[in-house]
Amino acid sequence: MCRGAGGVAKAEKPAPALRPAFDIFSQADEEVIDSMISAADSDRNGFVEHEKFERVFRPRRSGNRGYGYEVVEEAFKVTDGDGDGKVGCDDLR
């Protein structure tokens, strides 16, 4: 799925609170990126759209608050490098 993945390479950097999570992307190889996308890609279209992204980062289960709205929005904005409303392999290179 993700050929030549090599991490998030954006001009826009995440906020300090998000940097540890994005460090994972910068060191991730193709297999790790594939696993991350597959875990969130419920309809198997190869992309993680905003709704799927929210389901992963803002779970609604009792006792698990997840991340707040602002954190999820910023994380999605930084991860969706081309601004097309979905995160795919190219966004994570």
Protein backbone atom coordinates (compact mmCIF):
# COMPACT_ATOMS: atom_id res chain seq x y z
CA MET A 1 0.00 0.00 0.00
CA CYS A 2 2.54 2.66 1.10
CA ARG A 3 5.59 2.44 -1.12
CA GLY A 4 8.57 4.47 0.01
CA ALA A 5 7.00 5.81 3.18
CA GLY A 6 9.38 7.86 5.23
CA GLY A 7 7.51 9.98 7.71
CA VAL A 8 5.60 13.21 7.84
CA ALA A 9 7.60 15.82 5.93
CA LYS A 10 5.64 19.02 6.13
CA ALA A 11 6.59 22.68 6.30
CA GLU A 12 3.99 23.02 9.06
CA LYS A 13 5.13 21.36 12.28
CA PRO A 14 2.79 20.03 14.96
CA ALA A 15 2.32 21.78 18.26
CA PRO A 16 4.76 20.72 21.00
CA ALA A 17 2.13 18.47 22.63
CA LEU A 18 1.77 16.51 19.36
CA ARG A 19 5.47 16.18 18.47
CA PRO A 20 6.03 12.81 20.18
CA ALA A 21 3.24 11.25 18.10
CA PHE A 22 4.63 12.72 14.88
CA ASP A 23 8.12 11.46 15.73
CA ILE A 24 6.68 7.98 15.21
CA PHE A 25 5.81 8.87 11.60
CA SER A 26 9.25 10.31 10.91
CA GLN A 27 10.85 6.98 11.81
CA ALA A 28 8.17 4.70 10.39
CA ASP A 29 8.81 2.38 7.50
CA GLU A 30 6.31 1.18 4.90
CA GLU A 31 5.01 -1.67 7.05
CA VAL A 32 4.36 0.55 10.08
CA ILE A 33 2.56 3.19 7.99
CA ASP A 34 0.43 0.46 6.37
CA SER A 35 -0.51 -0.87 9.81
CA MET A 36 -1.50 2.56 11.10
CA ILE A 37 -3.68 3.32 8.08
CA SER A 38 -5.23 -0.16 8.10
CA ALA A 39 -6.15 0.17 11.78
CA ALA A 40 -8.21 3.29 11.10
CA ASP A 41 -9.41 2.59 7.54
CA SER A 42 -12.75 0.93 8.33
CA ASP A 43 -14.03 0.93 4.74
CA ARG A 44 -10.67 -0.21 3.29
CA ASN A 45 -10.43 2.56 0.70
CA GLY A 46 -6.78 3.22 1.53
CA PHE A 47 -7.43 6.54 3.26
CA VAL A 48 -8.31 7.82 6.71
CA GLU A 49 -10.91 10.52 6.27
CA HIS A 50 -11.66 13.00 9.04
CA GLU A 51 -14.51 10.92 10.50
CA LYS A 52 -12.31 7.82 10.78
CA PHE A 53 -9.49 9.89 12.26
CA GLU A 54 -11.86 11.20 14.91
CA ARG A 55 -13.07 7.69 15.76
CA VAL A 56 -9.50 6.68 16.54
CA PHE A 57 -8.46 9.77 18.49
CA ARG A 58 -11.73 10.76 20.15
CA PRO A 59 -13.37 7.54 21.29
CA ARG A 60 -16.77 7.96 22.92
CA ARG A 61 -16.51 4.97 25.23
CA SER A 62 -17.33 5.36 28.88
CA GLY A 63 -14.24 6.10 30.93
CA ASN A 64 -12.07 7.00 27.90
CA ARG A 65 -12.13 10.70 27.11
CA GLY A 66 -9.74 10.53 24.18
CA TYR A 67 -8.19 13.74 22.91
CA GLY A 68 -10.00 17.07 22.85
CA TYR A 69 -11.45 18.66 19.74
CA GLU A 70 -8.58 21.14 19.26
CA VAL A 71 -5.91 18.45 19.49
CA VAL A 72 -7.68 16.16 17.01
CA GLU A 73 -8.27 19.02 14.57
CA GLU A 74 -4.65 20.13 14.68
CA ALA A 75 -3.37 16.57 14.34
CA PHE A 76 -5.58 15.97 11.31
CA LYS A 77 -4.56 19.27 9.70
CA VAL A 78 -0.85 18.52 10.10
CA THR A 79 -1.22 14.89 8.98
CA ASP A 80 -3.36 15.75 5.94
CA GLY A 81 -0.46 17.45 4.20
CA ASP A 82 -2.16 18.09 0.87
CA GLY A 83 -5.38 19.33 2.47
CA ASP A 84 -7.68 16.96 0.58
CA GLY A 85 -9.60 15.89 3.69
CA LYS A 86 -8.05 12.44 3.98
CA VAL A 87 -4.80 10.94 5.19
CA GLY A 88 -3.07 8.49 2.90
CA CYS A 89 0.38 7.10 2.28
CA ASP A 90 1.56 10.20 0.44
CA ASP A 91 0.65 12.36 3.43
CA LEU A 92 2.81 10.24 5.69
CA ARG A 93 5.95 10.31 3.56
